[in-house]
Amino acid sequence: MHERRIPDWLRHAPVPSVRDFGILAGLEAVVRGILISVFPLIMYRALGDAGLVSASYFAVGVLSLIAGMMVPGLIRLLPRRWAYSLGAAMFVLSAGFAIEGSPASVLAALALNTVAAVVTFICFNAYVLDYIARVELGRCETSRMFYSAVGWTAGPVAGVLLLEWWAPVPFLISGGAALIQLAAFWWMRMGNGKQIARARGPASSPLKYLPRFLAQPRLVTGWLFAVIRSAGWWIYVVYLPIFAIEKGLGEELGGILLSATNAALFGAPLLLRLVQRHSIRLAVRTGFLGVTLCFGAAGFAQGWPVASIALLVAGSAALILLDICAGLPFLMAVKPSERTEMSAVYSSYRDISGILTPGAAWLVLLVAPVAGIFTAGAAATAAAVWLAGKLHPRLGHRKLAPAAEPVPAE
């Protein structure tokens, strides 16, 4: 009897590669990058008051933090592939609400976009921890940044220009890219990730993992690196343009510098070689030290605005180095059985920095000009330099095979 032959690639799904994760991250960069400079503009147009815009961002940040804590519970009820698909679908819905244009629709669009980023980020990290070996995490992070470079470099400028040409265009591009991202995800057949062990108890919340998280210094340190690094980007993206406007350097300068800085992502493979040649500890300390020196000097050089901005741009290069290596200590310390929950805990760094940075900046502005925020950021990164000194000097190095025992001579 003739037996039906099923190709191996259908019988056994190929394991996702570093390149696959890079492509997926690159598509999401298009989805989000083209709107990063558009949302503040449409929020201001819809609400008409900078204070209301700030309050809205604060509220969305809190909502995002709560949503991130709920994602692991969602994944317990809904397979991970469907949770990721839900996040991609929320990107599409967000674009639709933004096109409608009313204040309520714009707020809904911002909330959906932010929560979608959290959901896909948690699922993405869990998949990476499932399929990528620990020694390959650095290469995976570099690939993610390299493939994301186009979206984050061209997106901010293109979004603003297209918004002025025809308002719906940036959102149509973002929604279309989200659909392509969803199709690519299903084509890669990532499934629900690796099953470590059968659950023996009820679904757990990440809040229940906080004591275990706090009891592991390596996880806490890695999370603090992410928070401080994200705060550095907040200062660069939000307060550099304000500083430039106050000093009479123009409104467009901030967006131009952001796109120019993101172009450095194309050099991520070269930075990875430097990290691999030395150590993760040295790379993290070097990155935070560079930000400390540049941001601190920018604060003291406020009387020379061009010099201050040049120093901030130099500091952003150190932030890109941190984007490659500062997340690795956390990822390498996560236990396989806690991947989803700890990914949710880790993802909270963006929401925490998005809440703490504007709050700290508000306090600084009570007693100092905008340049004081640069100095405050330098103080935070200086603390990170000290923390990085506690990392193991061989973190991220491949383990050497044990030497063979000599055979006794007969």
Protein backbone atom coordinates (compact mmCIF):
# COMPACT_ATOMS: atom_id res chain seq x y z
CA MET A 1 0.00 0.00 0.00
CA HIS A 2 1.26 3.45 -0.86
CA GLU A 3 2.02 5.44 2.29
CA ARG A 4 1.39 9.12 2.40
CA ARG A 5 4.62 11.04 2.88
CA ILE A 6 4.54 14.22 4.99
CA PRO A 7 7.55 16.54 4.63
CA ASP A 8 9.68 16.90 7.74
CA TRP A 9 9.21 20.68 7.81
CA LEU A 10 5.46 20.11 8.23
CA ARG A 11 5.82 17.23 10.67
CA HIS A 12 8.33 19.08 12.88
CA ALA A 13 8.23 22.88 13.01
CA PRO A 14 11.71 24.41 12.62
CA VAL A 15 13.13 26.03 15.73
CA PRO A 16 13.00 29.85 15.47
CA SER A 17 16.42 31.34 14.85
CA VAL A 18 18.14 34.53 15.92
CA ARG A 19 17.34 35.95 12.49
CA ASP A 20 13.64 35.13 12.89
CA PHE A 21 13.48 37.08 16.14
CA GLY A 22 15.31 39.96 14.49
CA ILE A 23 12.79 40.10 11.65
CA LEU A 24 9.88 40.06 14.09
CA ALA A 25 11.43 42.88 16.11
CA GLY A 26 12.11 44.85 12.93
CA LEU A 27 8.46 44.69 11.91
CA GLU A 28 7.34 45.89 15.33
CA ALA A 29 9.84 48.75 15.06
CA VAL A 30 7.99 49.92 11.93
CA VAL A 31 4.65 49.61 13.75
CA ARG A 32 5.77 51.73 16.69
CA GLY A 33 8.58 53.86 15.25
CA ILE A 34 6.42 55.73 12.77
CA LEU A 35 4.05 56.78 15.58
CA ILE A 36 6.54 57.68 18.33
CA SER A 37 6.69 61.31 17.19
CA VAL A 38 3.08 61.42 15.97
CA PHE A 39 1.19 60.54 19.15
CA PRO A 40 2.35 63.61 21.12
CA LEU A 41 1.20 65.85 18.26
CA ILE A 42 -2.25 64.35 17.84
CA MET A 43 -2.68 64.22 21.62
CA TYR A 44 -1.98 67.94 21.85
CA ARG A 45 -4.26 68.67 18.91
CA ALA A 46 -7.09 66.65 20.46
CA LEU A 47 -6.73 67.88 24.07
CA GLY A 48 -5.34 71.36 23.46
CA ASP A 49 -3.41 71.53 26.73
CA ALA A 50 0.07 70.30 27.61
CA GLY A 51 -0.99 69.54 31.18
CA LEU A 52 -3.78 67.25 29.99
CA VAL A 53 -1.36 65.53 27.63
CA SER A 54 1.08 64.87 30.50
CA ALA A 55 -1.71 63.59 32.74
CA SER A 56 -2.92 61.29 29.95
CA TYR A 57 0.55 59.82 29.46
CA PHE A 58 0.86 59.28 33.21
CA ALA A 59 -2.50 57.48 33.33
CA VAL A 60 -1.61 55.33 30.32
CA GLY A 61 1.70 54.46 31.99
CA VAL A 62 -0.12 53.22 35.09
CA LEU A 63 -2.55 51.25 32.89
CA SER A 64 0.38 49.72 31.03
CA LEU A 65 2.02 48.66 34.29
CA ILE A 66 -1.18 46.96 35.47
CA ALA A 67 -1.63 45.27 32.08
CA GLY A 68 1.92 43.94 32.19
CA MET A 69 1.26 42.31 35.55
CA MET A 70 -1.84 40.61 34.14
CA VAL A 71 -0.25 39.16 31.00
CA PRO A 72 1.11 35.94 32.63
CA GLY A 73 -2.36 35.18 33.96
CA LEU A 74 -3.74 35.78 30.48
CA ILE A 75 -1.19 33.36 29.03
CA ARG A 76 -2.27 30.73 31.55
CA LEU A 77 -5.82 31.04 30.21
CA LEU A 78 -4.94 31.77 26.59
CA PRO A 79 -2.11 30.03 24.69
CA ARG A 80 0.91 32.27 24.24
CA ARG A 81 0.58 32.38 20.46
CA TRP A 82 -2.92 33.82 20.84
CA ALA A 83 -1.75 36.32 23.46
CA TYR A 84 0.91 37.58 21.03
CA SER A 85 -1.69 37.70 18.27
CA LEU A 86 -3.98 39.72 20.55
CA GLY A 87 -1.18 42.23 21.07
CA ALA A 88 -0.62 42.59 17.33
CA ALA A 89 -4.37 43.00 16.80
CA MET A 90 -4.40 45.81 19.38
CA PHE A 91 -1.81 47.65 17.27
CA VAL A 92 -4.26 47.49 14.35
CA LEU A 93 -7.19 48.66 16.50
CA SER A 94 -5.06 51.50 17.85
CA ALA A 95 -4.39 52.74 14.32
CA GLY A 96 -8.11 52.64 13.56
CA PHE A 97 -9.05 54.67 16.64
CA ALA A 98 -6.33 57.24 15.89
CA ILE A 99 -7.65 57.79 12.37
CA GLU A 100 -11.10 58.62 13.81
CA GLY A 101 -9.48 61.59 15.53
CA SER A 102 -11.82 62.54 18.40
CA PRO A 103 -10.27 63.11 21.86
CA ALA A 104 -11.75 59.88 23.22
CA SER A 105 -10.56 57.91 20.19
CA VAL A 106 -7.05 59.35 20.41
CA LEU A 107 -6.82 58.42 24.10
CA ALA A 108 -8.07 54.92 23.30
CA ALA A 109 -5.51 54.66 20.49
CA LEU A 110 -2.64 55.62 22.81
CA ALA A 111 -3.80 53.17 25.49
CA LEU A 112 -4.19 50.31 23.00
CA ASN A 113 -0.80 50.99 21.42
CA THR A 114 0.93 51.07 24.80
CA VAL A 115 -0.73 47.91 26.13
CA ALA A 116 -0.07 46.13 22.82
CA ALA A 117 3.64 46.93 23.14
CA VAL A 118 3.66 45.44 26.65
CA VAL A 119 1.86 42.24 25.61
CA THR A 120 4.06 41.57 22.59
CA PHE A 121 7.21 42.46 24.55
CA ILE A 122 6.46 39.93 27.30
CA CYS A 123 5.59 37.18 24.83
CA PHE A 124 8.63 38.00 22.67
CA ASN A 125 11.00 37.76 25.64
CA ALA A 126 9.45 34.47 26.74
CA TYR A 127 9.95 33.03 23.24
CA VAL A 128 13.57 34.23 23.19
CA LEU A 129 14.26 32.53 26.51
CA ASP A 130 12.63 29.36 25.19
CA TYR A 131 14.47 29.04 21.90
CA ILE A 132 17.77 30.96 22.21
CA ALA A 133 20.68 29.55 24.22
CA ARG A 134 22.10 31.73 26.98
CA VAL A 135 25.41 32.21 25.18
CA GLU A 136 23.50 33.40 22.08
CA LEU A 137 21.40 36.02 23.89
CA GLY A 138 23.89 38.78 23.08
CA ARG A 139 23.75 37.94 19.36
CA CYS A 140 19.96 37.83 19.54
CA GLU A 141 19.77 41.29 21.16
CA THR A 142 22.14 42.67 18.52
CA SER A 143 20.10 41.13 15.71
CA ARG A 144 16.94 42.60 17.21
CA MET A 145 18.46 46.07 17.26
CA PHE A 146 19.98 45.77 13.78
CA TYR A 147 16.69 44.75 12.17
CA SER A 148 14.87 47.45 14.16
CA ALA A 149 17.21 50.20 13.00
CA VAL A 150 15.22 51.13 9.87
CA GLY A 151 11.93 51.49 11.75
CA TRP A 152 13.37 53.54 14.59
CA THR A 153 15.56 55.67 12.30
CA ALA A 154 13.19 56.56 9.48
CA GLY A 155 9.97 56.26 11.48
CA PRO A 156 10.07 59.42 13.67
CA VAL A 157 10.81 61.79 10.78
CA ALA A 158 8.55 60.01 8.28
CA GLY A 159 5.64 59.95 10.72
CA VAL A 160 5.65 63.71 11.26
CA LEU A 161 6.06 64.51 7.55
CA LEU A 162 3.29 62.12 6.50
CA LEU A 163 0.98 63.45 9.22
CA GLU A 164 1.26 66.92 7.69
CA TRP A 165 0.69 65.54 4.18
CA TRP A 166 -2.38 63.41 5.01
CA ALA A 167 -3.16 62.62 8.64
CA PRO A 168 -4.30 58.96 8.26
CA VAL A 169 -1.15 57.81 6.42
CA PRO A 170 1.12 57.11 9.43
CA PHE A 171 -1.62 55.06 11.08
CA LEU A 172 -2.39 53.14 7.90
CA ILE A 173 1.29 52.24 7.58
CA SER A 174 1.47 51.25 11.25
CA GLY A 175 -1.67 49.10 11.02
CA GLY A 176 -0.47 47.44 7.82
CA ALA A 177 2.91 46.69 9.37
CA ALA A 178 1.15 45.16 12.38
CA LEU A 179 -0.76 42.79 10.08
CA ILE A 180 2.50 41.79 8.40
CA GLN A 181 4.06 41.28 11.85
CA LEU A 182 1.18 38.99 12.81
CA ALA A 183 1.46 37.02 9.56
CA ALA A 184 5.24 36.63 10.02
CA PHE A 185 4.72 35.40 13.57
CA TRP A 186 2.35 32.65 12.45
CA TRP A 187 4.58 31.73 9.52
CA MET A 188 7.47 31.20 11.96
CA ARG A 189 5.31 28.68 13.86
CA MET A 190 6.57 29.55 17.33
CA GLY A 191 3.61 27.86 18.95
CA ASN A 192 3.25 28.27 22.70
CA GLY A 193 6.93 27.95 23.56
CA LYS A 194 8.62 25.07 25.33
CA GLN A 195 6.73 23.33 28.09
CA ILE A 196 9.01 23.07 31.13
CA ALA A 197 6.67 21.16 33.41
CA ARG A 198 2.97 20.51 33.85
CA ALA A 199 1.35 23.08 36.12
CA ARG A 200 0.38 21.64 39.48
CA GLY A 201 -1.39 24.61 40.94
CA PRO A 202 -3.62 27.53 40.01
CA ALA A 203 -2.43 30.26 37.68
CA SER A 204 -0.05 32.59 39.46
CA SER A 205 0.27 36.34 39.24
CA PRO A 206 3.61 38.09 38.75
CA LEU A 207 2.87 39.86 42.04
CA LYS A 208 3.33 36.47 43.74
CA TYR A 209 6.75 36.27 42.09
CA LEU A 210 7.88 39.62 43.50
CA PRO A 211 9.30 38.08 46.72
CA ARG A 212 11.25 35.56 44.61
CA PHE A 213 12.34 38.35 42.30
CA LEU A 214 13.50 40.53 45.19
CA ALA A 215 15.32 37.56 46.74
CA GLN A 216 17.54 37.20 43.65
CA PRO A 217 20.07 40.08 43.52
CA ARG A 218 21.04 39.34 39.91
CA LEU A 219 17.45 39.82 38.75
CA VAL A 220 17.01 43.01 40.76
CA THR A 221 20.28 44.42 39.44
CA GLY A 222 19.38 43.57 35.84
CA TRP A 223 15.97 45.20 36.27
CA LEU A 224 17.53 48.36 37.73
CA PHE A 225 19.87 48.54 34.74
CA ALA A 226 16.82 48.50 32.46
CA VAL A 227 14.99 51.19 34.47
CA ILE A 228 17.98 53.56 34.55
CA ARG A 229 18.77 52.99 30.87
CA SER A 230 15.14 53.71 29.96
CA ALA A 231 15.20 56.87 32.09
CA GLY A 232 18.25 57.99 30.11
CA TRP A 233 16.30 57.62 26.89
CA TRP A 234 13.37 59.51 28.42
CA ILE A 235 15.68 62.42 29.19
CA TYR A 236 17.14 62.36 25.68
CA VAL A 237 13.84 62.01 23.80
CA VAL A 238 11.66 64.36 25.88
CA TYR A 239 13.87 66.96 27.55
CA LEU A 240 16.53 67.53 24.90
CA PRO A 241 13.91 69.02 22.50
CA ILE A 242 12.54 71.22 25.32
CA PHE A 243 16.07 72.42 26.10
CA ALA A 244 16.67 73.16 22.40
CA ILE A 245 13.44 75.18 22.13
CA GLU A 246 14.25 77.19 25.26
CA LYS A 247 17.69 78.00 23.87
CA GLY A 248 16.26 79.08 20.51
CA LEU A 249 17.63 76.17 18.48
CA GLY A 250 14.32 75.23 16.85
CA GLU A 251 11.50 72.72 17.32
CA GLU A 252 12.73 70.28 14.68
CA LEU A 253 16.14 69.64 16.21
CA GLY A 254 14.94 67.02 18.69
CA GLY A 255 13.30 64.85 16.03
CA ILE A 256 16.27 65.14 13.70
CA LEU A 257 18.72 64.13 16.42
CA LEU A 258 16.51 61.21 17.49
CA SER A 259 16.51 59.79 13.96
CA ALA A 260 20.25 60.41 13.62
CA THR A 261 20.94 58.67 16.92
CA ASN A 262 18.80 55.68 16.02
CA ALA A 263 20.82 55.30 12.82
CA ALA A 264 23.66 54.14 15.06
CA LEU A 265 21.67 50.93 15.58
CA PHE A 266 23.15 49.74 12.28
CA GLY A 267 26.46 49.53 14.11
CA ALA A 268 25.06 47.11 16.69
CA PRO A 269 26.99 44.08 15.30
CA LEU A 270 30.27 45.96 15.77
CA LEU A 271 29.36 46.83 19.34
CA LEU A 272 28.49 43.18 19.99
CA ARG A 273 32.00 42.17 18.91
CA LEU A 274 33.43 44.56 21.47
CA VAL A 275 31.17 43.10 24.17
CA GLN A 276 32.15 39.54 23.25
CA ARG A 277 35.84 40.40 23.13
CA HIS A 278 35.80 41.68 26.70
CA SER A 279 32.90 41.00 29.09
CA ILE A 280 29.32 42.01 29.79
CA ARG A 281 30.38 43.60 33.06
CA LEU A 282 32.93 45.84 31.34
CA ALA A 283 30.46 46.76 28.58
CA VAL A 284 27.70 47.69 31.05
CA ARG A 285 30.07 49.73 33.22
CA THR A 286 31.50 51.48 30.14
CA GLY A 287 28.02 52.33 28.85
CA PHE A 288 26.75 53.79 32.10
CA LEU A 289 30.03 55.62 32.71
CA GLY A 290 29.78 57.21 29.25
CA VAL A 291 26.23 58.40 29.95
CA THR A 292 27.29 59.73 33.36
CA LEU A 293 30.16 61.79 31.98
CA CYS A 294 28.26 63.12 28.95
CA PHE A 295 24.97 63.95 30.67
CA GLY A 296 26.76 65.45 33.68
CA ALA A 297 28.94 67.64 31.46
CA ALA A 298 25.87 68.67 29.43
CA GLY A 299 24.21 69.91 32.60
CA PHE A 300 27.22 72.00 33.59
CA ALA A 301 27.67 73.34 30.03
CA GLN A 302 24.13 74.72 29.78
CA GLY A 303 25.53 78.19 29.04
CA TRP A 304 26.80 76.78 25.73
CA PRO A 305 23.67 75.08 24.30
CA VAL A 306 25.39 73.62 21.25
CA ALA A 307 28.04 72.01 23.45
CA SER A 308 25.37 70.63 25.80
CA ILE A 309 23.44 69.07 22.94
CA ALA A 310 26.61 67.62 21.41
CA LEU A 311 27.40 66.00 24.77
CA LEU A 312 23.88 64.58 25.01
CA VAL A 313 24.22 63.08 21.53
CA ALA A 314 27.52 61.50 22.59
CA GLY A 315 25.76 60.12 25.66
CA SER A 316 23.08 58.58 23.46
CA ALA A 317 25.79 56.47 21.77
CA ALA A 318 26.54 55.00 25.20
CA LEU A 319 22.80 54.36 25.65
CA ILE A 320 22.82 52.31 22.44
CA LEU A 321 25.68 50.22 23.84
CA LEU A 322 23.51 49.66 26.92
CA ASP A 323 20.59 48.63 24.72
CA ILE A 324 22.78 45.75 23.55
CA CYS A 325 24.24 44.58 26.84
CA ALA A 326 22.36 46.00 29.84
CA GLY A 327 19.43 43.59 29.52
CA LEU A 328 21.61 40.48 29.37
CA PRO A 329 22.29 40.11 33.13
CA PHE A 330 18.54 39.77 33.77
CA LEU A 331 17.86 37.41 30.86
CA MET A 332 20.76 35.14 31.81
CA ALA A 333 19.60 34.87 35.42
CA VAL A 334 15.98 33.83 34.75
CA LYS A 335 15.05 30.26 35.64
CA PRO A 336 13.33 28.28 32.83
CA SER A 337 10.25 27.61 34.97
CA GLU A 338 9.72 31.34 35.61
CA ARG A 339 10.18 32.72 32.10
CA THR A 340 6.71 34.17 31.54
CA GLU A 341 6.28 35.63 35.02
CA MET A 342 9.77 37.12 35.18
CA SER A 343 9.37 38.50 31.66
CA ALA A 344 6.32 40.36 32.96
CA VAL A 345 8.31 41.67 35.92
CA TYR A 346 11.13 42.74 33.60
CA SER A 347 8.77 44.51 31.18
CA SER A 348 7.64 46.79 34.01
CA TYR A 349 10.89 48.76 33.66
CA ARG A 350 9.43 50.85 30.84
CA ASP A 351 6.33 51.75 32.81
CA ILE A 352 8.27 52.44 36.00
CA SER A 353 10.74 54.70 34.19
CA GLY A 354 7.84 56.35 32.37
CA ILE A 355 6.28 57.22 35.74
CA LEU A 356 9.41 58.03 37.75
CA THR A 357 11.27 60.10 35.15
CA PRO A 358 8.57 62.78 34.60
CA GLY A 359 7.95 62.87 38.35
CA ALA A 360 11.62 63.35 39.18
CA ALA A 361 11.95 65.92 36.38
CA TRP A 362 9.03 67.89 37.83
CA LEU A 363 10.80 68.03 41.21
CA VAL A 364 14.07 69.11 39.60
CA LEU A 365 12.34 71.88 37.65
CA LEU A 366 11.04 73.34 40.91
CA VAL A 367 14.60 74.34 41.83
CA ALA A 368 16.63 74.20 38.59
CA PRO A 369 16.34 74.75 34.81
CA VAL A 370 15.91 71.94 32.30
CA ALA A 371 19.66 71.29 32.29
CA GLY A 372 19.31 70.17 35.91
CA ILE A 373 17.49 67.10 34.61
CA PHE A 374 20.62 66.09 32.71
CA THR A 375 22.65 66.30 35.92
CA ALA A 376 20.04 64.27 37.82
CA GLY A 377 20.16 61.62 35.10
CA ALA A 378 23.95 61.50 35.42
CA ALA A 379 23.59 60.82 39.14
CA ALA A 380 21.31 57.84 38.42
CA THR A 381 23.66 56.36 35.83
CA ALA A 382 26.59 56.84 38.22
CA ALA A 383 24.76 54.57 40.67
CA ALA A 384 24.39 52.04 37.85
CA VAL A 385 28.17 52.13 37.27
CA TRP A 386 28.65 51.07 40.89
CA LEU A 387 26.02 48.31 40.58
CA ALA A 388 27.63 46.99 37.39
CA GLY A 389 30.86 46.45 39.30
CA LYS A 390 29.12 43.66 41.22
CA LEU A 391 28.47 41.57 38.09
CA HIS A 392 30.54 38.43 37.60
CA PRO A 393 33.57 39.25 35.41
CA ARG A 394 32.97 36.23 33.15
CA LEU A 395 29.22 36.74 32.72
CA GLY A 396 28.24 35.77 29.17
CA HIS A 397 31.44 33.87 28.36
CA ARG A 398 31.15 30.38 26.97
CA LYS A 399 31.98 27.70 29.50
CA LEU A 400 35.21 25.90 28.74
CA ALA A 401 35.02 22.14 28.32
CA PRO A 402 36.78 20.27 31.14
CA ALA A 403 40.22 19.04 30.21
CA ALA A 404 40.50 15.32 29.57
CA GLU A 405 42.28 13.37 32.27
CA PRO A 406 45.68 12.03 31.14
CA VAL A 407 45.80 8.32 30.41
CA PRO A 408 48.37 6.61 32.63
CA ALA A 409 51.27 5.09 30.75
CA GLU A 410 51.39 1.34 30.76
